PDB file of all heavy atoms in Angstrom:
ATOM      1  N   LYS A   1      46.075 -41.418  32.015  1.00  0.00           N
ATOM      2  CA  LYS A   1      46.629 -40.707  33.164  1.00  0.00           C
ATOM      3  C   LYS A   1      45.501 -40.137  34.016  1.00  0.00           C
ATOM      4  O   LYS A   1      44.368 -39.973  33.530  1.00  0.00           O
ATOM      5  CB  LYS A   1      47.546 -39.568  32.706  1.00  0.00           C
ATOM      6  CG  LYS A   1      48.825 -40.017  32.019  1.00  0.00           C
ATOM      7  CD  LYS A   1      49.754 -38.822  31.783  1.00  0.00           C
ATOM      8  CE  LYS A   1      51.065 -39.276  31.147  1.00  0.00           C
ATOM      9  NZ  LYS A   1      52.010 -38.151  30.991  1.00  0.00           N
ATOM     10  N   PRO A   2      45.816 -39.789  35.275  1.00  0.00           N
ATOM     11  CA  PRO A   2      44.805 -39.119  36.107  1.00  0.00           C
ATOM     12  C   PRO A   2      44.453 -37.762  35.526  1.00  0.00           C
ATOM     13  O   PRO A   2      45.267 -37.133  34.828  1.00  0.00           O
ATOM     14  CB  PRO A   2      45.500 -38.976  37.464  1.00  0.00           C
ATOM     15  CG  PRO A   2      46.630 -39.948  37.445  1.00  0.00           C
ATOM     16  CD  PRO A   2      47.054 -40.056  36.014  1.00  0.00           C
ATOM     17  N   SER A   3      43.258 -37.295  35.795  1.00  0.00           N
ATOM     18  CA  SER A   3      42.848 -35.975  35.332  1.00  0.00           C
ATOM     19  C   SER A   3      43.298 -34.874  36.283  1.00  0.00           C
ATOM     20  O   SER A   3      43.258 -33.696  35.921  1.00  0.00           O
ATOM     21  CB  SER A   3      41.326 -35.920  35.158  1.00  0.00           C
ATOM     22  OG  SER A   3      40.675 -36.334  36.343  1.00  0.00           O
ATOM     23  N   MET A   4      43.739 -35.251  37.499  1.00  0.00           N
ATOM     24  CA  MET A   4      44.221 -34.285  38.489  1.00  0.00           C
ATOM     25  C   MET A   4      45.717 -34.472  38.698  1.00  0.00           C
ATOM     26  O   MET A   4      46.183 -35.594  38.932  1.00  0.00           O
ATOM     27  CB  MET A   4      43.507 -34.488  39.826  1.00  0.00           C
ATOM     28  CG  MET A   4      42.060 -34.066  39.844  1.00  0.00           C
ATOM     29  SD  MET A   4      41.857 -32.264  39.854  1.00  0.00           S
ATOM     30  CE  MET A   4      42.496 -31.866  41.478  1.00  0.00           C
ATOM     31  N   PRO A   5      46.509 -33.382  38.609  1.00  0.00           N
ATOM     32  CA  PRO A   5      47.919 -33.492  38.988  1.00  0.00           C
ATOM     33  C   PRO A   5      48.019 -33.898  40.458  1.00  0.00           C
ATOM     34  O   PRO A   5      47.118 -33.621  41.259  1.00  0.00           O
ATOM     35  CB  PRO A   5      48.451 -32.079  38.778  1.00  0.00           C
ATOM     36  CG  PRO A   5      47.496 -31.426  37.841  1.00  0.00           C
ATOM     37  CD  PRO A   5      46.159 -32.025  38.160  1.00  0.00           C
ATOM     38  N   TYR A   6      49.112 -34.546  40.818  1.00  0.00           N
ATOM     39  CA  TYR A   6      49.291 -34.927  42.219  1.00  0.00           C
ATOM     40  C   TYR A   6      50.661 -34.466  42.686  1.00  0.00           C
ATOM     41  O   TYR A   6      51.627 -34.451  41.941  1.00  0.00           O
ATOM     42  CB  TYR A   6      49.106 -36.432  42.421  1.00  0.00           C
ATOM     43  CG  TYR A   6      49.800 -37.309  41.416  1.00  0.00           C
ATOM     44  CD1 TYR A   6      51.075 -37.824  41.654  1.00  0.00           C
ATOM     45  CD2 TYR A   6      49.160 -37.654  40.221  1.00  0.00           C
ATOM     46  CE1 TYR A   6      51.704 -38.640  40.729  1.00  0.00           C
ATOM     47  CE2 TYR A   6      49.779 -38.463  39.288  1.00  0.00           C
ATOM     48  CZ  TYR A   6      51.048 -38.960  39.545  1.00  0.00           C
ATOM     49  OH  TYR A   6      51.668 -39.767  38.625  1.00  0.00           O
ATOM     50  N   GLY A   7      50.732 -34.060  43.963  1.00  0.00           N
ATOM     51  CA  GLY A   7      51.930 -33.464  44.524  1.00  0.00           C
ATOM     52  C   GLY A   7      51.632 -32.042  44.959  1.00  0.00           C
ATOM     53  O   GLY A   7      50.503 -31.555  44.857  1.00  0.00           O
ATOM     54  N   ILE A   8      52.645 -31.355  45.464  1.00  0.00           N
ATOM     55  CA  ILE A   8      52.494 -29.975  45.923  1.00  0.00           C
ATOM     56  C   ILE A   8      52.426 -29.059  44.716  1.00  0.00           C
ATOM     57  O   ILE A   8      53.313 -29.067  43.862  1.00  0.00           O
ATOM     58  CB  ILE A   8      53.664 -29.586  46.844  1.00  0.00           C
ATOM     59  CG1 ILE A   8      53.698 -30.493  48.075  1.00  0.00           C
ATOM     60  CG2 ILE A   8      53.535 -28.119  47.267  1.00  0.00           C
ATOM     61  CD1 ILE A   8      54.908 -30.290  48.944  1.00  0.00           C
ATOM     62  N   MET A   9      51.367 -28.259  44.638  1.00  0.00           N
ATOM     63  CA  MET A   9      51.112 -27.427  43.464  1.00  0.00           C
ATOM     64  C   MET A   9      51.802 -26.071  43.564  1.00  0.00           C
ATOM     65  O   MET A   9      51.856 -25.461  44.631  1.00  0.00           O
ATOM     66  CB  MET A   9      49.606 -27.208  43.281  1.00  0.00           C
ATOM     67  CG  MET A   9      48.802 -28.486  43.087  1.00  0.00           C
ATOM     68  SD  MET A   9      48.999 -29.168  41.439  1.00  0.00           S
ATOM     69  CE  MET A   9      48.070 -27.967  40.486  1.00  0.00           C
ATOM     70  N   GLY A  10      52.327 -25.587  42.448  1.00  0.00           N
ATOM     71  CA  GLY A  10      52.883 -24.243  42.326  1.00  0.00           C
ATOM     72  C   GLY A  10      52.504 -23.682  40.968  1.00  0.00           C
ATOM     73  O   GLY A  10      51.536 -24.120  40.346  1.00  0.00           O
ATOM     74  N   GLN A  11      53.275 -22.740  40.498  1.00  0.00           N
ATOM     75  CA  GLN A  11      53.011 -22.168  39.188  1.00  0.00           C
ATOM     76  C   GLN A  11      53.446 -23.138  38.090  1.00  0.00           C
ATOM     77  O   GLN A  11      54.369 -23.916  38.261  1.00  0.00           O
ATOM     78  CB  GLN A  11      53.766 -20.850  39.018  1.00  0.00           C
ATOM     79  CG  GLN A  11      53.286 -19.727  39.922  1.00  0.00           C
ATOM     80  CD  GLN A  11      54.013 -18.420  39.662  1.00  0.00           C
ATOM     81  OE1 GLN A  11      54.873 -18.347  38.785  1.00  0.00           O
ATOM     82  NE2 GLN A  11      53.662 -17.393  40.423  1.00  0.00           N
ATOM     83  N   ASN A  12      52.749 -23.060  36.948  1.00  0.00           N
ATOM     84  CA  ASN A  12      53.168 -23.876  35.807  1.00  0.00           C
ATOM     85  C   ASN A  12      54.202 -23.116  34.974  1.00  0.00           C
ATOM     86  O   ASN A  12      54.675 -22.040  35.366  1.00  0.00           O
ATOM     87  CB  ASN A  12      51.959 -24.301  34.961  1.00  0.00           C
ATOM     88  CG  ASN A  12      51.235 -23.118  34.321  1.00  0.00           C
ATOM     89  OD1 ASN A  12      51.743 -21.999  34.266  1.00  0.00           O
ATOM     90  ND2 ASN A  12      50.036 -23.372  33.825  1.00  0.00           N
ATOM     91  N   ALA A  13      54.541 -23.641  33.806  1.00  0.00           N
ATOM     92  CA  ALA A  13      55.597 -23.060  32.980  1.00  0.00           C
ATOM     93  C   ALA A  13      55.268 -21.655  32.494  1.00  0.00           C
ATOM     94  O   ALA A  13      56.166 -20.886  32.132  1.00  0.00           O
ATOM     95  CB  ALA A  13      55.865 -23.961  31.775  1.00  0.00           C
ATOM     96  N   LEU A  14      53.987 -21.300  32.483  1.00  0.00           N
ATOM     97  CA  LEU A  14      53.565 -19.987  32.011  1.00  0.00           C
ATOM     98  C   LEU A  14      53.322 -19.006  33.142  1.00  0.00           C
ATOM     99  O   LEU A  14      52.779 -17.929  32.948  1.00  0.00           O
ATOM    100  CB  LEU A  14      52.301 -20.124  31.156  1.00  0.00           C
ATOM    101  CG  LEU A  14      52.434 -21.029  29.926  1.00  0.00           C
ATOM    102  CD1 LEU A  14      51.109 -21.135  29.199  1.00  0.00           C
ATOM    103  CD2 LEU A  14      53.525 -20.532  28.990  1.00  0.00           C
ATOM    104  N   GLY A  15      53.709 -19.411  34.370  1.00  0.00           N
ATOM    105  CA  GLY A  15      53.566 -18.530  35.515  1.00  0.00           C
ATOM    106  C   GLY A  15      52.168 -18.454  36.081  1.00  0.00           C
ATOM    107  O   GLY A  15      51.827 -17.513  36.800  1.00  0.00           O
ATOM    108  N   LYS A  16      51.332 -19.444  35.778  1.00  0.00           N
ATOM    109  CA  LYS A  16      49.959 -19.472  36.281  1.00  0.00           C
ATOM    110  C   LYS A  16      49.740 -20.676  37.181  1.00  0.00           C
ATOM    111  O   LYS A  16      50.472 -21.675  37.105  1.00  0.00           O
ATOM    112  CB  LYS A  16      48.971 -19.527  35.105  1.00  0.00           C
ATOM    113  CG  LYS A  16      49.053 -18.339  34.168  1.00  0.00           C
ATOM    114  CD  LYS A  16      48.068 -18.486  33.018  1.00  0.00           C
ATOM    115  CE  LYS A  16      48.148 -17.293  32.074  1.00  0.00           C
ATOM    116  NZ  LYS A  16      47.208 -17.434  30.935  1.00  0.00           N
ATOM    117  N   ILE A  17      48.734 -20.575  38.028  1.00  0.00           N
ATOM    118  CA  ILE A  17      48.308 -21.723  38.842  1.00  0.00           C
ATOM    119  C   ILE A  17      47.000 -22.228  38.244  1.00  0.00           C
ATOM    120  O   ILE A  17      45.938 -21.636  38.431  1.00  0.00           O
ATOM    121  CB  ILE A  17      48.119 -21.333  40.316  1.00  0.00           C
ATOM    122  CG1 ILE A  17      49.446 -20.817  40.886  1.00  0.00           C
ATOM    123  CG2 ILE A  17      47.617 -22.531  41.121  1.00  0.00           C
ATOM    124  CD1 ILE A  17      49.369 -20.366  42.324  1.00  0.00           C
ATOM    125  N   PRO A  18      47.051 -23.302  37.466  1.00  0.00           N
ATOM    126  CA  PRO A  18      45.857 -23.763  36.751  1.00  0.00           C
ATOM    127  C   PRO A  18      44.863 -24.466  37.671  1.00  0.00           C
ATOM    128  O   PRO A  18      45.225 -24.950  38.765  1.00  0.00           O
ATOM    129  CB  PRO A  18      46.429 -24.731  35.720  1.00  0.00           C
ATOM    130  CG  PRO A  18      47.684 -25.242  36.340  1.00  0.00           C
ATOM    131  CD  PRO A  18      48.238 -24.111  37.164  1.00  0.00           C
ATOM    132  N   GLU A  19      43.615 -24.532  37.210  1.00  0.00           N
ATOM    133  CA  GLU A  19      42.574 -25.265  37.919  1.00  0.00           C
ATOM    134  C   GLU A  19      42.275 -26.569  37.183  1.00  0.00           C
ATOM    135  O   GLU A  19      42.279 -26.621  35.953  1.00  0.00           O
ATOM    136  CB  GLU A  19      41.293 -24.431  38.015  1.00  0.00           C
ATOM    137  CG  GLU A  19      41.437 -23.175  38.870  1.00  0.00           C
ATOM    138  CD  GLU A  19      40.125 -22.424  38.997  1.00  0.00           C
ATOM    139  OE1 GLU A  19      39.105 -22.912  38.453  1.00  0.00           O
ATOM    140  OE2 GLU A  19      40.110 -21.357  39.627  1.00  0.00           O
ATOM    141  N   PHE A  20      42.036 -27.621  37.956  1.00  0.00           N
ATOM    142  CA  PHE A  20      41.732 -28.928  37.372  1.00  0.00           C
ATOM    143  C   PHE A  20      40.490 -29.505  38.037  1.00  0.00           C
ATOM    144  O   PHE A  20      40.135 -29.147  39.161  1.00  0.00           O
ATOM    145  CB  PHE A  20      42.912 -29.894  37.570  1.00  0.00           C
ATOM    146  CG  PHE A  20      44.163 -29.485  36.830  1.00  0.00           C
ATOM    147  CD1 PHE A  20      45.116 -28.689  37.440  1.00  0.00           C
ATOM    148  CD2 PHE A  20      44.377 -29.904  35.530  1.00  0.00           C
ATOM    149  CE1 PHE A  20      46.270 -28.306  36.757  1.00  0.00           C
ATOM    150  CE2 PHE A  20      45.520 -29.537  34.840  1.00  0.00           C
ATOM    151  CZ  PHE A  20      46.470 -28.738  35.465  1.00  0.00           C
ATOM    152  N   TYR A  21      39.836 -30.417  37.312  1.00  0.00           N
ATOM    153  CA  TYR A  21      38.653 -31.095  37.822  1.00  0.00           C
ATOM    154  C   TYR A  21      38.891 -32.592  37.759  1.00  0.00           C
ATOM    155  O   TYR A  21      39.449 -33.111  36.781  1.00  0.00           O
ATOM    156  CB  TYR A  21      37.411 -30.708  37.008  1.00  0.00           C
ATOM    157  CG  TYR A  21      37.141 -29.222  37.046  1.00  0.00           C
ATOM    158  CD1 TYR A  21      37.628 -28.380  36.040  1.00  0.00           C
ATOM    159  CD2 TYR A  21      36.415 -28.650  38.086  1.00  0.00           C
ATOM    160  CE1 TYR A  21      37.396 -27.014  36.067  1.00  0.00           C
ATOM    161  CE2 TYR A  21      36.179 -27.281  38.123  1.00  0.00           C
ATOM    162  CZ  TYR A  21      36.677 -26.474  37.122  1.00  0.00           C
ATOM    163  OH  TYR A  21      36.452 -25.130  37.174  1.00  0.00           O
ATOM    164  N   ASP A  22      38.488 -33.272  38.790  1.00  0.00           N
ATOM    165  CA  ASP A  22      38.749 -34.708  38.907  1.00  0.00           C
ATOM    166  C   ASP A  22      37.709 -35.491  38.101  1.00  0.00           C
ATOM    167  O   ASP A  22      36.561 -35.632  38.497  1.00  0.00           O
ATOM    168  CB  ASP A  22      38.725 -35.134  40.373  1.00  0.00           C
ATOM    169  CG  ASP A  22      39.235 -36.547  40.558  1.00  0.00           C
ATOM    170  OD1 ASP A  22      39.493 -37.224  39.543  1.00  0.00           O
ATOM    171  OD2 ASP A  22      39.398 -36.971  41.716  1.00  0.00           O
ATOM    172  N   ASN A  23      38.137 -35.981  36.955  1.00  0.00           N
ATOM    173  CA  ASN A  23      37.286 -36.819  36.114  1.00  0.00           C
ATOM    174  C   ASN A  23      37.812 -38.240  36.035  1.00  0.00           C
ATOM    175  O   ASN A  23      37.468 -38.987  35.112  1.00  0.00           O
ATOM    176  CB  ASN A  23      37.206 -36.218  34.700  1.00  0.00           C
ATOM    177  CG  ASN A  23      36.526 -34.857  34.701  1.00  0.00           C
ATOM    178  OD1 ASN A  23      35.471 -34.672  35.307  1.00  0.00           O
ATOM    179  ND2 ASN A  23      37.135 -33.889  34.027  1.00  0.00           N
ATOM    180  N   GLY A  24      38.663 -38.582  37.007  1.00  0.00           N
ATOM    181  CA  GLY A  24      39.196 -39.943  37.058  1.00  0.00           C
ATOM    182  C   GLY A  24      40.310 -40.168  36.054  1.00  0.00           C
ATOM    183  O   GLY A  24      40.895 -39.237  35.504  1.00  0.00           O
ATOM    184  N   ILE A  25      40.593 -41.441  35.804  1.00  0.00           N
ATOM    185  CA  ILE A  25      41.622 -41.809  34.840  1.00  0.00           C
ATOM    186  C   ILE A  25      41.065 -41.679  33.420  1.00  0.00           C
ATOM    187  O   ILE A  25      39.924 -42.065  33.146  1.00  0.00           O
ATOM    188  CB  ILE A  25      42.103 -43.254  35.070  1.00  0.00           C
ATOM    189  CG1 ILE A  25      42.653 -43.411  36.504  1.00  0.00           C
ATOM    190  CG2 ILE A  25      43.167 -43.644  34.052  1.00  0.00           C
ATOM    191  CD1 ILE A  25      43.898 -42.617  36.773  1.00  0.00           C
ATOM    192  N   GLY A  26      41.873 -41.135  32.515  1.00  0.00           N
ATOM    193  CA  GLY A  26      41.410 -40.979  31.147  1.00  0.00           C
ATOM    194  C   GLY A  26      42.570 -40.888  30.177  1.00  0.00           C
ATOM    195  O   GLY A  26      43.741 -40.790  30.570  1.00  0.00           O
ATOM    196  N   SER A  27      42.248 -40.944  28.914  1.00  0.00           N
ATOM    197  CA  SER A  27      43.267 -40.884  27.874  1.00  0.00           C
ATOM    198  C   SER A  27      43.748 -39.451  27.683  1.00  0.00           C
ATOM    199  O   SER A  27      42.954 -38.506  27.667  1.00  0.00           O
ATOM    200  CB  SER A  27      42.689 -41.419  26.563  1.00  0.00           C
ATOM    201  OG  SER A  27      43.663 -41.421  25.554  1.00  0.00           O
ATOM    202  N   ARG A  28      45.064 -39.315  27.551  1.00  0.00           N
ATOM    203  CA  ARG A  28      45.679 -38.003  27.299  1.00  0.00           C
ATOM    204  C   ARG A  28      46.709 -38.139  26.205  1.00  0.00           C
ATOM    205  O   ARG A  28      47.433 -39.128  26.148  1.00  0.00           O
ATOM    206  CB  ARG A  28      46.357 -37.462  28.560  1.00  0.00           C
ATOM    207  CG  ARG A  28      45.383 -36.888  29.562  1.00  0.00           C
ATOM    208  CD  ARG A  28      46.121 -36.408  30.802  1.00  0.00           C
ATOM    209  NE  ARG A  28      45.194 -35.731  31.675  1.00  0.00           N
ATOM    210  CZ  ARG A  28      45.232 -34.419  31.952  1.00  0.00           C
ATOM    211  NH1 ARG A  28      46.182 -33.682  31.451  1.00  0.00           N
ATOM    212  NH2 ARG A  28      44.333 -33.885  32.741  1.00  0.00           N
ATOM    213  N   ALA A  29      46.761 -37.115  25.365  1.00  0.00           N
ATOM    214  CA  ALA A  29      47.758 -37.101  24.292  1.00  0.00           C
ATOM    215  C   ALA A  29      48.534 -35.801  24.345  1.00  0.00           C
ATOM    216  O   ALA A  29      48.012 -34.758  24.759  1.00  0.00           O
ATOM    217  CB  ALA A  29      47.087 -37.257  22.932  1.00  0.00           C
ATOM    218  N   ILE A  30      49.794 -35.871  23.940  1.00  0.00           N
ATOM    219  CA  ILE A  30      50.650 -34.693  23.838  1.00  0.00           C
ATOM    220  C   ILE A  30      50.924 -34.437  22.363  1.00  0.00           C
ATOM    221  O   ILE A  30      51.246 -35.357  21.602  1.00  0.00           O
ATOM    222  CB  ILE A  30      51.969 -34.889  24.602  1.00  0.00           C
ATOM    223  CG1 ILE A  30      51.696 -35.054  26.101  1.00  0.00           C
ATOM    224  CG2 ILE A  30      52.900 -33.698  24.372  1.00  0.00           C
ATOM    225  CD1 ILE A  30      52.940 -35.313  26.921  1.00  0.00           C
ATOM    226  N   LEU A  31      50.793 -33.174  21.962  1.00  0.00           N
ATOM    227  CA  LEU A  31      51.127 -32.757  20.611  1.00  0.00           C
ATOM    228  C   LEU A  31      52.433 -31.972  20.626  1.00  0.00           C
ATOM    229  O   LEU A  31      52.738 -31.269  21.594  1.00  0.00           O
ATOM    230  CB  LEU A  31      50.018 -31.889  20.020  1.00  0.00           C
ATOM    231  CG  LEU A  31      48.610 -32.493  19.973  1.00  0.00           C
ATOM    232  CD1 LEU A  31      47.651 -31.528  19.283  1.00  0.00           C
ATOM    233  CD2 LEU A  31      48.613 -33.830  19.261  1.00  0.00           C
ATOM    234  N   GLY A  32      53.170 -32.065  19.534  1.00  0.00           N
ATOM    235  CA  GLY A  32      54.489 -31.458  19.467  1.00  0.00           C
ATOM    236  C   GLY A  32      54.495 -30.001  19.072  1.00  0.00           C
ATOM    237  O   GLY A  32      55.207 -29.584  18.149  1.00  0.00           O
ATOM    238  N   MET A  33      53.718 -29.192  19.762  1.00  0.00           N
ATOM    239  CA  MET A  33      53.767 -27.732  19.608  1.00  0.00           C
ATOM    240  C   MET A  33      53.194 -27.123  20.872  1.00  0.00           C
ATOM    241  O   MET A  33      52.460 -27.775  21.618  1.00  0.00           O
ATOM    242  CB  MET A  33      52.966 -27.268  18.388  1.00  0.00           C
ATOM    243  CG  MET A  33      51.472 -27.517  18.470  1.00  0.00           C
ATOM    244  SD  MET A  33      50.617 -26.927  16.974  1.00  0.00           S
ATOM    245  CE  MET A  33      48.910 -27.283  17.428  1.00  0.00           C
ATOM    246  N   GLY A  34      53.564 -25.871  21.136  1.00  0.00           N
ATOM    247  CA  GLY A  34      53.093 -25.222  22.352  1.00  0.00           C
ATOM    248  C   GLY A  34      52.937 -23.727  22.168  1.00  0.00           C
ATOM    249  O   GLY A  34      52.868 -23.217  21.038  1.00  0.00           O
ATOM    250  N   HIS A  35      52.923 -23.013  23.285  1.00  0.00           N
ATOM    251  CA  HIS A  35      52.653 -21.580  23.250  1.00  0.00           C
ATOM    252  C   HIS A  35      53.738 -20.793  22.520  1.00  0.00           C
ATOM    253  O   HIS A  35      53.489 -19.674  22.065  1.00  0.00           O
ATOM    254  CB  HIS A  35      52.483 -21.049  24.673  1.00  0.00           C
ATOM    255  CG  HIS A  35      51.199 -21.469  25.315  1.00  0.00           C
ATOM    256  ND1 HIS A  35      50.004 -20.843  25.050  1.00  0.00           N
ATOM    257  CD2 HIS A  35      50.910 -22.462  26.194  1.00  0.00           C
ATOM    258  CE1 HIS A  35      49.032 -21.423  25.738  1.00  0.00           C
ATOM    259  NE2 HIS A  35      49.553 -22.409  26.436  1.00  0.00           N
ATOM    260  N   GLN A  36      54.938 -21.342  22.420  1.00  0.00           N
ATOM    261  CA  GLN A  36      55.977 -20.668  21.642  1.00  0.00           C
ATOM    262  C   GLN A  36      55.603 -20.612  20.163  1.00  0.00           C
ATOM    263  O   GLN A  36      56.061 -19.741  19.434  1.00  0.00           O
ATOM    264  CB  GLN A  36      57.319 -21.385  21.809  1.00  0.00           C
ATOM    265  CG  GLN A  36      58.491 -20.631  21.201  1.00  0.00           C
ATOM    266  CD  GLN A  36      59.826 -21.248  21.552  1.00  0.00           C
ATOM    267  OE1 GLN A  36      59.885 -22.362  22.052  1.00  0.00           O
ATOM    268  NE2 GLN A  36      60.900 -20.517  21.309  1.00  0.00           N
ATOM    269  N   ASP A  37      54.764 -21.535  19.733  1.00  0.00           N
ATOM    270  CA  ASP A  37      54.346 -21.602  18.336  1.00  0.00           C
ATOM    271  C   ASP A  37      52.988 -20.958  18.101  1.00  0.00           C
ATOM    272  O   ASP A  37      52.786 -20.274  17.093  1.00  0.00           O
ATOM    273  CB  ASP A  37      54.280 -23.067  17.887  1.00  0.00           C
ATOM    274  CG  ASP A  37      55.562 -23.811  18.186  1.00  0.00           C
ATOM    275  OD1 ASP A  37      56.617 -23.369  17.695  1.00  0.00           O
ATOM    276  OD2 ASP A  37      55.515 -24.811  18.927  1.00  0.00           O
ATOM    277  N   VAL A  38      52.049 -21.183  19.030  1.00  0.00           N
ATOM    278  CA  VAL A  38      50.682 -20.723  18.811  1.00  0.00           C
ATOM    279  C   VAL A  38      49.915 -20.781  20.133  1.00  0.00           C
ATOM    280  O   VAL A  38      50.139 -21.693  20.934  1.00  0.00           O
ATOM    281  CB  VAL A  38      49.984 -21.602  17.744  1.00  0.00           C
ATOM    282  CG1 VAL A  38      49.818 -23.026  18.219  1.00  0.00           C
ATOM    283  CG2 VAL A  38      48.662 -21.023  17.290  1.00  0.00           C
ATOM    284  N   PRO A  39      49.031 -19.816  20.425  1.00  0.00           N
ATOM    285  CA  PRO A  39      48.224 -19.895  21.643  1.00  0.00           C
ATOM    286  C   PRO A  39      47.133 -20.956  21.513  1.00  0.00           C
ATOM    287  O   PRO A  39      46.395 -20.969  20.521  1.00  0.00           O
ATOM    288  CB  PRO A  39      47.627 -18.493  21.770  1.00  0.00           C
ATOM    289  CG  PRO A  39      47.622 -17.951  20.378  1.00  0.00           C
ATOM    290  CD  PRO A  39      48.820 -18.552  19.692  1.00  0.00           C
ATOM    291  N   CYS A  40      47.039 -21.827  22.502  1.00  0.00           N
ATOM    292  CA  CYS A  40      46.031 -22.897  22.466  1.00  0.00           C
ATOM    293  C   CYS A  40      44.617 -22.342  22.316  1.00  0.00           C
ATOM    294  O   CYS A  40      43.770 -22.946  21.652  1.00  0.00           O
ATOM    295  CB  CYS A  40      46.110 -23.728  23.753  1.00  0.00           C
ATOM    296  SG  CYS A  40      47.688 -24.554  24.028  1.00  0.00           S
ATOM    297  N   SER A  41      44.371 -21.190  22.930  1.00  0.00           N
ATOM    298  CA  SER A  41      43.014 -20.631  22.934  1.00  0.00           C
ATOM    299  C   SER A  41      42.544 -20.216  21.551  1.00  0.00           C
ATOM    300  O   SER A  41      41.349 -19.997  21.341  1.00  0.00           O
ATOM    301  CB  SER A  41      42.958 -19.432  23.876  1.00  0.00           C
ATOM    302  OG  SER A  41      43.880 -18.431  23.466  1.00  0.00           O
ATOM    303  N   GLY A  42      43.458 -20.105  20.588  1.00  0.00           N
ATOM    304  CA  GLY A  42      43.083 -19.672  19.256  1.00  0.00           C
ATOM    305  C   GLY A  42      42.904 -20.794  18.262  1.00  0.00           C
ATOM    306  O   GLY A  42      42.808 -20.543  17.055  1.00  0.00           O
ATOM    307  N   LEU A  43      42.829 -22.035  18.755  1.00  0.00           N
ATOM    308  CA  LEU A  43      42.740 -23.188  17.868  1.00  0.00           C
ATOM    309  C   LEU A  43      41.395 -23.894  17.992  1.00  0.00           C
ATOM    310  O   LEU A  43      40.856 -24.029  19.096  1.00  0.00           O
ATOM    311  CB  LEU A  43      43.853 -24.182  18.189  1.00  0.00           C
ATOM    312  CG  LEU A  43      45.291 -23.666  18.033  1.00  0.00           C
ATOM    313  CD1 LEU A  43      46.281 -24.748  18.434  1.00  0.00           C
ATOM    314  CD2 LEU A  43      45.549 -23.196  16.615  1.00  0.00           C
ATOM    315  N   SER A  44      40.879 -24.364  16.862  1.00  0.00           N
ATOM    316  CA  SER A  44      39.665 -25.175  16.841  1.00  0.00           C
ATOM    317  C   SER A  44      39.983 -26.479  16.120  1.00  0.00           C
ATOM    318  O   SER A  44      40.254 -26.465  14.907  1.00  0.00           O
ATOM    319  CB  SER A  44      38.530 -24.449  16.107  1.00  0.00           C
ATOM    320  OG  SER A  44      38.212 -23.232  16.732  1.00  0.00           O
TER     321      SER A  44
END
């Protein structure tokens, strides 16, 4: 997928406007857990 979202930008699901950097097309994976389960910032 592209590294930059496309379309008119607004707030995301957490009420923030995230920043992105254009690194072209790249591989992306989705994992079956989110902030309701654990904060991403606390994982290594």
